[in-house]
Amino acid sequence: MNTSQIGLLAGLVLGAAGALGGFSAVIISLAVGVLGLVIGRVLDGELDLGELLGRGRDK
């Protein structure tokens, strides 16, 4: 299990624990899961935030 998968899993667990229930719980879990996945990908080096924000490493 790599860092991206751990980040996604941790985000989903924390999102589910923080939500109270209903449709909002699904949305909160999804949002926190995506955030965990993005953080995991950045830590793995698979995602460069500079490129997403318009600042490349070449400058």
C-alpha atoms as a PDB file:
ATOM      1  CA  MET A   1       0.000   0.000   0.000  1.00  0.00           C
ATOM      2  CA  ASN A   2       1.601   3.271  -1.079  1.00  0.00           C
ATOM      3  CA  THR A   3       1.234   6.741   0.410  1.00  0.00           C
ATOM      4  CA  SER A   4      -1.548   7.734  -1.994  1.00  0.00           C
ATOM      5  CA  GLN A   5      -3.700   4.800  -0.936  1.00  0.00           C
ATOM      6  CA  ILE A   6      -3.001   5.407   2.748  1.00  0.00           C
ATOM      7  CA  GLY A   7      -3.898   9.078   2.328  1.00  0.00           C
ATOM      8  CA  LEU A   8      -7.149   8.177   0.591  1.00  0.00           C
ATOM      9  CA  LEU A   9      -8.049   5.618   3.242  1.00  0.00           C
ATOM     10  CA  ALA A  10      -7.221   7.969   6.109  1.00  0.00           C
ATOM     11  CA  GLY A  11      -9.235  10.754   4.516  1.00  0.00           C
ATOM     12  CA  LEU A  12     -12.247   8.523   4.035  1.00  0.00           C
ATOM     13  CA  VAL A  13     -12.107   7.239   7.601  1.00  0.00           C
ATOM     14  CA  LEU A  14     -11.730  10.730   9.069  1.00  0.00           C
ATOM     15  CA  GLY A  15     -14.471  12.087   6.851  1.00  0.00           C
ATOM     16  CA  ALA A  16     -16.864   9.317   7.855  1.00  0.00           C
ATOM     17  CA  ALA A  17     -16.049   9.801  11.539  1.00  0.00           C
ATOM     18  CA  GLY A  18     -16.522  13.570  11.327  1.00  0.00           C
ATOM     19  CA  ALA A  19     -19.832  13.451   9.526  1.00  0.00           C
ATOM     20  CA  LEU A  20     -23.093  13.149  11.410  1.00  0.00           C
ATOM     21  CA  GLY A  21     -25.151  11.302   8.832  1.00  0.00           C
ATOM     22  CA  GLY A  22     -27.323  11.611   5.775  1.00  0.00           C
ATOM     23  CA  PHE A  23     -26.343  12.996   2.397  1.00  0.00           C
ATOM     24  CA  SER A  24     -23.944  15.486   3.974  1.00  0.00           C
ATOM     25  CA  ALA A  25     -21.925  12.563   5.385  1.00  0.00           C
ATOM     26  CA  VAL A  26     -21.397  11.220   1.872  1.00  0.00           C
ATOM     27  CA  ILE A  27     -20.270  14.610   0.574  1.00  0.00           C
ATOM     28  CA  ILE A  28     -17.952  15.244   3.527  1.00  0.00           C
ATOM     29  CA  SER A  29     -16.419  11.764   3.250  1.00  0.00           C
ATOM     30  CA  LEU A  30     -15.888  12.216  -0.482  1.00  0.00           C
ATOM     31  CA  ALA A  31     -14.277  15.646  -0.062  1.00  0.00           C
ATOM     32  CA  VAL A  32     -11.953  14.546   2.732  1.00  0.00           C
ATOM     33  CA  GLY A  33     -11.094  11.353   0.823  1.00  0.00           C
ATOM     34  CA  VAL A  34     -10.112  13.336  -2.264  1.00  0.00           C
ATOM     35  CA  LEU A  35      -8.034  15.674  -0.091  1.00  0.00           C
ATOM     36  CA  GLY A  36      -6.248  12.671   1.444  1.00  0.00           C
ATOM     37  CA  LEU A  37      -5.603  11.226  -2.002  1.00  0.00           C
ATOM     38  CA  VAL A  38      -4.118  14.496  -3.275  1.00  0.00           C
ATOM     39  CA  ILE A  39      -1.871  14.839  -0.227  1.00  0.00           C
ATOM     40  CA  GLY A  40      -0.736  11.224  -0.625  1.00  0.00           C
ATOM     41  CA  ARG A  41       0.086  11.769  -4.309  1.00  0.00           C
ATOM     42  CA  VAL A  42       2.067  14.914  -3.495  1.00  0.00           C
ATOM     43  CA  LEU A  43       4.048  13.032  -0.846  1.00  0.00           C
ATOM     44  CA  ASP A  44       4.706  10.183  -3.311  1.00  0.00           C
ATOM     45  CA  GLY A  45       5.952  12.689  -5.882  1.00  0.00           C
ATOM     46  CA  GLU A  46       3.298  11.667  -8.405  1.00  0.00           C
ATOM     47  CA  LEU A  47       1.621  15.084  -8.374  1.00  0.00           C
ATOM     48  CA  ASP A  48       3.376  18.447  -8.683  1.00  0.00           C
ATOM     49  CA  LEU A  49       1.314  21.266  -7.241  1.00  0.00           C
ATOM     50  CA  GLY A  50       3.467  23.824  -9.053  1.00  0.00           C
ATOM     51  CA  GLU A  51       2.256  22.527 -12.401  1.00  0.00           C
ATOM     52  CA  LEU A  52      -1.358  22.618 -11.265  1.00  0.00           C
ATOM     53  CA  LEU A  53      -0.998  26.196 -10.060  1.00  0.00           C
ATOM     54  CA  GLY A  54       0.774  27.332 -13.234  1.00  0.00           C
ATOM     55  CA  ARG A  55       4.307  27.427 -11.853  1.00  0.00           C
ATOM     56  CA  GLY A  56       6.570  24.830 -13.376  1.00  0.00           C
ATOM     57  CA  ARG A  57       9.925  23.651 -12.029  1.00  0.00           C
ATOM     58  CA  ASP A  58      11.717  25.104 -15.073  1.00  0.00           C
ATOM     59  CA  LYS A  59      11.583  28.705 -13.844  1.00  0.00           C
END
